[in-house]
N, C-alpha and C. Protein backbone atom coordinates (compact mmCIF):
# COMPACT_ATOMS: atom_id res chain seq x y z
N MET A 1 -51.81 62.13 -203.99
CA MET A 1 -51.36 61.52 -204.89
C MET A 1 -52.81 61.65 -205.81
N ARG A 2 -53.96 61.76 -205.55
CA ARG A 2 -54.85 61.84 -206.71
C ARG A 2 -54.73 63.22 -207.32
N VAL A 3 -54.29 64.51 -206.65
CA VAL A 3 -54.30 65.76 -207.28
C VAL A 3 -53.16 65.89 -207.95
N LEU A 4 -51.90 64.87 -208.04
CA LEU A 4 -50.79 64.87 -208.87
C LEU A 4 -50.98 64.02 -209.75
N ASN A 5 -52.26 63.17 -210.18
CA ASN A 5 -52.53 62.17 -210.81
C ASN A 5 -51.50 61.20 -210.65
N ILE A 6 -51.11 60.88 -209.40
CA ILE A 6 -50.18 59.59 -209.42
C ILE A 6 -51.07 58.26 -209.02
N ASP A 7 -50.98 57.34 -209.77
CA ASP A 7 -51.58 56.40 -209.61
C ASP A 7 -51.19 55.15 -208.47
N GLN A 8 -51.24 55.80 -207.31
CA GLN A 8 -50.55 54.82 -206.33
C GLN A 8 -51.27 54.92 -205.36
N HIS A 9 -51.93 54.06 -204.43
CA HIS A 9 -52.88 53.83 -203.60
C HIS A 9 -51.88 53.05 -202.27
N PHE A 10 -52.10 53.46 -201.14
CA PHE A 10 -51.78 52.68 -199.97
C PHE A 10 -52.87 51.91 -199.27
N PRO A 11 -52.25 50.97 -198.55
CA PRO A 11 -53.35 50.31 -197.78
C PRO A 11 -53.93 51.05 -196.60
N GLU A 12 -54.98 50.72 -195.95
CA GLU A 12 -55.96 51.22 -195.18
C GLU A 12 -55.26 51.15 -193.65
N ASN A 13 -54.46 50.05 -193.59
CA ASN A 13 -53.71 49.62 -192.18
C ASN A 13 -52.45 49.24 -192.50
N LEU A 14 -51.42 49.36 -191.38
CA LEU A 14 -50.04 49.29 -191.17
C LEU A 14 -49.78 47.76 -191.83
N ALA A 15 -50.21 46.72 -191.49
CA ALA A 15 -49.81 45.37 -191.67
C ALA A 15 -49.86 45.22 -193.18
N PRO A 16 -50.72 45.72 -193.94
CA PRO A 16 -50.75 45.35 -195.44
C PRO A 16 -49.23 46.26 -195.74
N LEU A 17 -48.99 47.40 -195.25
CA LEU A 17 -48.03 48.37 -196.03
C LEU A 17 -46.86 47.44 -195.54
N LEU A 18 -46.52 47.05 -194.36
CA LEU A 18 -45.37 46.15 -193.88
C LEU A 18 -45.42 44.85 -194.82
N GLU A 19 -46.30 44.32 -195.08
CA GLU A 19 -46.22 43.24 -196.08
C GLU A 19 -45.64 43.69 -197.35
N LEU A 20 -45.96 45.07 -197.93
CA LEU A 20 -45.37 45.13 -199.34
C LEU A 20 -44.00 45.48 -198.98
N CYS A 21 -43.79 46.10 -197.97
CA CYS A 21 -42.08 46.32 -197.81
C CYS A 21 -41.50 44.94 -197.70
N HIS A 22 -41.86 44.04 -196.91
CA HIS A 22 -41.03 42.99 -196.95
C HIS A 22 -41.14 42.03 -198.35
N ILE A 23 -42.08 42.40 -199.21
CA ILE A 23 -41.80 41.71 -200.34
C ILE A 23 -40.63 42.16 -201.23
N GLN A 24 -40.42 43.45 -201.16
CA GLN A 24 -39.29 44.09 -201.43
C GLN A 24 -38.04 44.00 -200.57
N ASN A 25 -38.20 43.14 -199.74
CA ASN A 25 -37.00 42.92 -198.76
C ASN A 25 -36.67 44.18 -198.16
N GLN A 26 -37.42 44.85 -197.89
CA GLN A 26 -37.45 45.97 -196.68
C GLN A 26 -38.04 45.49 -195.33
N THR A 27 -36.92 45.00 -194.62
CA THR A 27 -37.69 44.30 -193.28
C THR A 27 -37.07 44.81 -192.08
N ARG A 28 -36.31 45.85 -191.96
CA ARG A 28 -35.91 46.58 -191.09
C ARG A 28 -36.97 47.65 -190.36
N PRO A 29 -37.06 47.34 -189.27
CA PRO A 29 -38.34 48.60 -188.86
C PRO A 29 -37.58 50.30 -188.68
N THR A 30 -38.19 51.22 -188.79
CA THR A 30 -37.68 52.12 -188.81
C THR A 30 -37.97 53.21 -187.67
N PRO A 31 -39.13 52.96 -186.89
CA PRO A 31 -39.43 53.78 -185.74
C PRO A 31 -37.96 54.15 -184.60
N LEU A 32 -37.76 55.28 -184.29
CA LEU A 32 -36.44 55.68 -183.71
C LEU A 32 -36.48 56.55 -182.68
N ILE A 33 -35.61 56.69 -181.74
CA ILE A 33 -35.52 57.63 -180.89
C ILE A 33 -34.27 58.24 -181.08
N LEU A 34 -34.33 59.88 -181.27
CA LEU A 34 -33.33 60.62 -181.71
C LEU A 34 -32.77 61.52 -180.41
N GLN A 35 -31.34 61.49 -180.24
CA GLN A 35 -30.93 62.21 -179.25
C GLN A 35 -29.63 63.36 -179.78
N TYR A 36 -30.04 64.62 -179.54
CA TYR A 36 -28.69 65.64 -179.75
C TYR A 36 -28.27 66.31 -178.99
N GLY A 37 -26.96 66.19 -178.67
CA GLY A 37 -26.34 66.96 -177.48
C GLY A 37 -25.75 68.32 -178.29
N LYS A 38 -25.18 69.01 -177.25
CA LYS A 38 -24.49 70.15 -178.14
C LYS A 38 -23.52 70.02 -179.44
N ASP A 39 -23.73 71.13 -180.59
CA ASP A 39 -23.15 70.88 -181.42
C ASP A 39 -23.68 69.76 -182.42
N GLY A 40 -24.95 69.05 -181.86
CA GLY A 40 -25.25 67.95 -182.65
C GLY A 40 -26.37 68.66 -183.94
N TYR A 41 -26.70 68.00 -184.85
CA TYR A 41 -27.67 68.37 -186.03
C TYR A 41 -27.82 67.12 -186.79
N ASN A 42 -28.75 67.41 -187.69
CA ASN A 42 -29.13 66.54 -188.54
C ASN A 42 -29.40 67.22 -190.09
N THR A 43 -28.44 66.72 -191.09
CA THR A 43 -28.54 67.25 -192.32
C THR A 43 -29.74 66.92 -193.06
N LEU A 44 -30.09 67.84 -194.23
CA LEU A 44 -31.56 67.98 -194.51
C LEU A 44 -31.42 66.41 -195.40
N HIS A 45 -32.42 65.69 -195.25
CA HIS A 45 -32.78 64.53 -195.95
C HIS A 45 -34.10 64.12 -196.24
N GLN A 46 -34.44 62.77 -196.80
CA GLN A 46 -35.74 62.37 -196.84
C GLN A 46 -35.50 60.69 -196.31
N ASP A 47 -36.59 60.26 -195.76
CA ASP A 47 -36.14 58.91 -194.78
C ASP A 47 -36.93 57.95 -195.96
N LEU A 48 -36.34 57.55 -196.98
CA LEU A 48 -36.70 56.64 -198.31
C LEU A 48 -35.74 55.58 -197.98
N TYR A 49 -36.10 54.69 -197.74
CA TYR A 49 -35.31 53.34 -197.35
C TYR A 49 -35.55 52.35 -198.35
N GLY A 50 -36.08 52.31 -199.66
CA GLY A 50 -36.41 51.56 -200.61
C GLY A 50 -37.46 51.76 -201.48
N ASP A 51 -37.94 50.97 -202.16
CA ASP A 51 -38.89 51.65 -203.04
C ASP A 51 -40.35 51.77 -202.74
N VAL A 52 -40.76 51.02 -201.55
CA VAL A 52 -41.84 51.05 -201.00
C VAL A 52 -42.04 52.19 -199.71
N TYR A 53 -42.53 53.11 -199.65
CA TYR A 53 -42.43 54.11 -198.41
C TYR A 53 -44.07 54.78 -198.52
N PHE A 54 -44.22 55.24 -197.00
CA PHE A 54 -45.63 55.57 -197.08
C PHE A 54 -45.19 57.24 -196.99
N PRO A 55 -46.24 58.11 -197.52
CA PRO A 55 -45.98 59.36 -198.02
C PRO A 55 -46.04 60.46 -196.76
N MET A 56 -46.35 60.13 -195.60
CA MET A 56 -46.53 60.73 -194.12
C MET A 56 -45.53 60.02 -193.21
N GLN A 57 -44.74 60.86 -192.36
CA GLN A 57 -44.39 60.46 -191.45
C GLN A 57 -44.37 61.33 -190.17
N ALA A 58 -44.11 60.97 -188.75
CA ALA A 58 -44.32 61.72 -187.64
C ALA A 58 -43.13 61.85 -186.59
N VAL A 59 -43.01 63.05 -185.92
CA VAL A 59 -41.89 63.25 -184.86
C VAL A 59 -42.77 63.56 -183.83
N MET A 60 -42.44 63.18 -182.69
CA MET A 60 -42.60 63.59 -181.18
C MET A 60 -41.67 64.45 -180.55
N PHE A 61 -41.91 65.38 -179.85
CA PHE A 61 -40.82 66.06 -179.08
C PHE A 61 -41.07 66.06 -177.50
N LEU A 62 -39.91 65.30 -177.18
CA LEU A 62 -39.82 65.04 -175.92
C LEU A 62 -39.69 65.90 -174.64
N ASN A 63 -38.89 66.82 -175.13
CA ASN A 63 -38.30 67.92 -174.15
C ASN A 63 -38.43 69.16 -174.73
N GLU A 64 -38.52 70.56 -173.59
CA GLU A 64 -38.68 71.65 -173.84
C GLU A 64 -37.68 72.58 -174.45
N PRO A 65 -37.91 73.01 -175.64
CA PRO A 65 -36.74 74.17 -176.28
C PRO A 65 -36.69 75.30 -175.19
N GLY A 66 -35.34 75.87 -175.11
CA GLY A 66 -35.46 77.18 -174.04
C GLY A 66 -35.31 76.50 -172.65
N ASP A 67 -35.80 75.42 -172.16
CA ASP A 67 -35.48 75.00 -170.86
C ASP A 67 -34.54 73.83 -170.82
N ASP A 68 -34.46 72.69 -171.82
CA ASP A 68 -33.87 71.61 -171.95
C ASP A 68 -32.48 71.73 -173.08
N TYR A 69 -32.93 72.74 -174.29
CA TYR A 69 -31.95 72.65 -174.84
C TYR A 69 -32.20 74.27 -175.93
N GLU A 70 -30.87 74.60 -176.38
CA GLU A 70 -30.98 75.73 -177.06
C GLU A 70 -30.78 75.29 -178.41
N GLY A 71 -31.23 75.97 -179.52
CA GLY A 71 -31.17 75.39 -181.17
C GLY A 71 -31.89 74.38 -181.37
N GLY A 72 -31.27 73.47 -182.37
CA GLY A 72 -32.29 72.36 -182.58
C GLY A 72 -33.52 72.39 -183.37
N GLU A 73 -33.61 73.69 -183.84
CA GLU A 73 -34.98 73.62 -184.56
C GLU A 73 -35.17 72.71 -185.66
N PHE A 74 -36.62 72.31 -186.10
CA PHE A 74 -36.83 71.07 -186.86
C PHE A 74 -36.93 72.23 -188.32
N VAL A 75 -36.27 71.61 -189.37
CA VAL A 75 -36.26 72.36 -190.66
C VAL A 75 -36.56 71.60 -191.68
N LEU A 76 -37.41 72.42 -192.32
CA LEU A 76 -38.12 71.95 -193.71
C LEU A 76 -37.65 72.77 -194.76
N ILE A 77 -37.51 71.89 -195.77
CA ILE A 77 -36.92 72.80 -197.11
C ILE A 77 -37.90 72.18 -198.30
N GLU A 78 -38.49 73.27 -198.60
CA GLU A 78 -39.30 73.11 -199.75
C GLU A 78 -38.77 73.57 -200.99
N GLN A 79 -38.53 72.40 -202.01
CA GLN A 79 -37.85 72.52 -203.12
C GLN A 79 -38.59 72.64 -204.43
N ARG A 80 -39.12 73.90 -204.86
CA ARG A 80 -40.12 74.05 -205.86
C ARG A 80 -39.28 73.97 -207.25
N PRO A 81 -39.96 73.63 -208.22
CA PRO A 81 -39.36 73.67 -209.48
C PRO A 81 -39.21 75.18 -209.88
N ARG A 82 -38.01 75.35 -210.40
CA ARG A 82 -37.60 76.50 -211.39
C ARG A 82 -37.81 77.77 -210.18
N ALA A 83 -37.39 77.56 -208.88
CA ALA A 83 -37.37 78.59 -208.10
C ALA A 83 -36.45 78.39 -206.91
N GLN A 84 -36.12 79.10 -206.10
CA GLN A 84 -35.29 78.87 -204.98
C GLN A 84 -35.92 78.20 -203.69
N SER A 85 -35.27 77.61 -203.11
CA SER A 85 -35.58 76.73 -201.91
C SER A 85 -36.30 77.39 -200.92
N LYS A 86 -37.34 77.25 -200.41
CA LYS A 86 -37.80 77.98 -199.22
C LYS A 86 -37.52 77.10 -197.89
N ALA A 87 -37.29 77.52 -196.90
CA ALA A 87 -36.95 77.04 -195.69
C ALA A 87 -38.25 77.30 -194.68
N ILE A 88 -38.52 76.13 -193.87
CA ILE A 88 -39.40 76.48 -192.71
C ILE A 88 -38.97 75.96 -191.56
N VAL A 89 -38.72 76.89 -190.37
CA VAL A 89 -37.93 76.38 -189.44
C VAL A 89 -39.19 76.58 -188.18
N LEU A 90 -39.20 75.38 -187.67
CA LEU A 90 -40.12 75.26 -186.18
C LEU A 90 -39.50 74.90 -185.24
N ARG A 91 -40.31 75.17 -184.16
CA ARG A 91 -39.96 75.22 -182.79
C ARG A 91 -40.86 74.45 -181.96
N PRO A 92 -41.00 73.16 -182.27
CA PRO A 92 -42.07 72.66 -181.40
C PRO A 92 -42.06 72.50 -180.11
N ALA A 93 -42.76 72.79 -179.13
CA ALA A 93 -42.76 72.62 -177.78
C ALA A 93 -42.78 70.64 -177.15
N LYS A 94 -42.42 70.73 -176.25
CA LYS A 94 -42.35 69.27 -175.48
C LYS A 94 -44.01 68.73 -175.54
N GLY A 95 -44.14 67.59 -176.04
CA GLY A 95 -45.34 66.88 -176.22
C GLY A 95 -46.02 67.25 -177.40
N ASP A 96 -45.62 67.96 -178.68
CA ASP A 96 -45.87 68.10 -179.69
C ASP A 96 -45.68 67.21 -180.52
N MET A 97 -46.18 66.95 -181.49
CA MET A 97 -46.21 65.87 -182.85
C MET A 97 -46.27 66.62 -183.75
N LEU A 98 -45.16 66.50 -184.88
CA LEU A 98 -45.22 67.15 -186.11
C LEU A 98 -45.51 65.84 -187.41
N ILE A 99 -46.42 66.13 -188.12
CA ILE A 99 -46.66 65.12 -189.17
C ILE A 99 -46.22 65.95 -190.59
N PHE A 100 -45.38 65.34 -191.04
CA PHE A 100 -44.75 65.94 -192.38
C PHE A 100 -44.63 65.02 -193.56
N THR A 101 -44.58 65.28 -194.79
CA THR A 101 -44.46 64.59 -195.80
C THR A 101 -42.93 63.67 -195.90
N THR A 102 -42.99 62.58 -196.46
CA THR A 102 -41.60 61.77 -196.52
C THR A 102 -40.78 62.13 -197.76
N ASN A 103 -41.58 62.78 -198.72
CA ASN A 103 -40.73 62.82 -199.95
C ASN A 103 -41.30 63.93 -200.87
N PHE A 104 -42.44 64.29 -200.98
CA PHE A 104 -42.67 65.30 -201.74
C PHE A 104 -44.19 65.73 -201.34
N ARG A 105 -44.52 66.84 -201.81
CA ARG A 105 -46.37 67.18 -201.40
C ARG A 105 -47.03 68.09 -202.74
N PRO A 106 -47.97 68.08 -202.77
CA PRO A 106 -48.73 68.86 -203.82
C PRO A 106 -48.92 70.15 -203.63
N VAL A 107 -48.50 71.28 -204.39
CA VAL A 107 -48.74 72.60 -204.27
C VAL A 107 -49.79 73.26 -205.42
N LYS A 108 -50.76 74.01 -205.12
CA LYS A 108 -51.66 74.60 -206.17
C LYS A 108 -50.88 75.63 -206.72
N GLY A 109 -50.79 75.29 -208.21
CA GLY A 109 -50.31 76.77 -208.74
C GLY A 109 -51.31 77.27 -209.73
N SER A 110 -50.82 78.01 -210.38
CA SER A 110 -52.21 78.68 -211.68
C SER A 110 -52.67 77.70 -212.19
N LYS A 111 -51.82 76.72 -212.98
CA LYS A 111 -52.23 75.37 -213.76
C LYS A 111 -52.65 74.63 -213.39
N GLY A 112 -52.85 74.41 -211.71
CA GLY A 112 -53.22 73.31 -211.19
C GLY A 112 -52.26 72.74 -210.05
N TYR A 113 -52.40 71.68 -209.80
CA TYR A 113 -51.31 71.08 -208.90
C TYR A 113 -49.94 70.48 -209.50
N TYR A 114 -48.68 70.90 -208.30
CA TYR A 114 -47.57 70.22 -209.26
C TYR A 114 -46.77 69.76 -207.85
N ARG A 115 -45.51 68.86 -207.93
CA ARG A 115 -45.11 68.27 -207.02
C ARG A 115 -44.01 69.05 -206.57
N VAL A 116 -43.82 69.13 -205.30
CA VAL A 116 -42.91 69.79 -204.66
C VAL A 116 -41.76 69.19 -203.79
N ASN A 117 -40.92 68.75 -203.81
CA ASN A 117 -40.03 67.88 -203.19
C ASN A 117 -39.66 68.73 -201.87
N MET A 118 -39.65 67.78 -200.71
CA MET A 118 -39.18 68.09 -199.35
C MET A 118 -38.22 67.53 -198.90
N LYS A 119 -37.63 68.19 -198.11
CA LYS A 119 -36.49 67.48 -197.12
C LYS A 119 -36.41 68.07 -195.57
N HIS A 120 -36.00 67.38 -194.57
CA HIS A 120 -35.95 67.83 -193.30
C HIS A 120 -34.95 67.73 -192.90
N GLY A 121 -34.53 68.26 -191.34
CA GLY A 121 -33.28 68.26 -190.65
C GLY A 121 -33.68 68.71 -189.52
N VAL A 122 -32.51 68.75 -188.74
CA VAL A 122 -32.25 69.52 -187.59
C VAL A 122 -31.32 70.68 -187.34
N SER A 123 -31.54 72.10 -187.06
CA SER A 123 -30.47 72.91 -186.87
C SER A 123 -29.24 72.39 -185.70
N GLU A 124 -28.33 73.13 -185.64
CA GLU A 124 -27.31 72.67 -184.58
C GLU A 124 -27.74 73.17 -183.34
N LEU A 125 -27.48 72.09 -182.43
CA LEU A 125 -27.69 72.72 -180.90
C LEU A 125 -26.67 73.69 -180.29
N THR A 126 -27.06 74.33 -179.61
CA THR A 126 -26.05 75.43 -178.82
C THR A 126 -25.73 74.91 -177.53
N GLN A 127 -26.73 74.22 -177.02
CA GLN A 127 -26.69 73.85 -175.55
C GLN A 127 -27.56 72.92 -175.23
N GLY A 128 -27.61 71.94 -174.02
CA GLY A 128 -28.49 71.04 -173.70
C GLY A 128 -28.65 69.80 -174.54
N ARG A 129 -29.65 69.15 -174.33
CA ARG A 129 -29.90 67.69 -174.99
C ARG A 129 -31.29 67.88 -175.54
N ARG A 130 -31.71 67.19 -176.72
CA ARG A 130 -32.96 67.28 -177.52
C ARG A 130 -33.04 65.87 -177.82
N TYR A 131 -34.60 65.51 -177.33
CA TYR A 131 -34.84 63.94 -177.55
C TYR A 131 -36.20 64.14 -178.48
N THR A 132 -36.56 63.22 -179.45
CA THR A 132 -37.52 63.05 -180.20
C THR A 132 -37.52 61.53 -180.58
N VAL A 133 -39.02 61.26 -180.92
CA VAL A 133 -39.18 60.03 -181.26
C VAL A 133 -39.58 59.94 -182.74
N GLY A 134 -39.13 59.41 -183.68
CA GLY A 134 -39.38 59.45 -185.06
C GLY A 134 -40.09 58.20 -185.69
N ILE A 135 -41.37 58.40 -186.07
CA ILE A 135 -42.09 57.25 -186.69
C ILE A 135 -42.34 57.39 -188.18
N ILE A 136 -41.51 56.40 -188.76
CA ILE A 136 -41.56 56.27 -190.34
C ILE A 136 -42.53 54.99 -190.46
N PHE A 137 -43.49 55.04 -191.18
CA PHE A 137 -44.51 53.79 -191.18
C PHE A 137 -43.80 52.93 -192.10
N HIS A 138 -43.07 52.74 -192.99
CA HIS A 138 -42.46 51.79 -194.18
C HIS A 138 -41.18 51.31 -193.31
N ASP A 139 -40.92 50.00 -193.42
CA ASP A 139 -39.57 49.33 -193.13
C ASP A 139 -38.47 49.73 -194.04
N ALA A 140 -37.14 49.47 -193.75
CA ALA A 140 -35.93 49.95 -194.39
C ALA A 140 -35.36 48.55 -195.15
N SER A 141 -34.52 48.72 -196.10
CA SER A 141 -34.04 47.86 -196.62
C SER A 141 -32.52 47.43 -196.01
């Protein structure tokens, strides 16, 4: 936030962040277990469930690609201003945790930092079952 000159500060602990969420009527917890079967996928999206959101979130991978399922790659799309979108495709292993941005991230250009919007999703599974735990730190409305 500092390098983008955004005057927004986040609490050092989860409890005050959740208090801010509750003041904005965001009272539904957001951690979740995701299960995908054959032909399952998740379209590109952002996990913004109200005006208060934490800039980072995490996903933990509970089974092994190649052994337990095929396909199901984690997809990030970087939407740079005045440029084509860039796809980043990841295939984390069982036990890996991925920390990624909830909304946008700073990118350094020739004239300083600028804001790049990010979306994430899951490519289609061709076989098996894929399980993950998602941790979104802010509550939803």
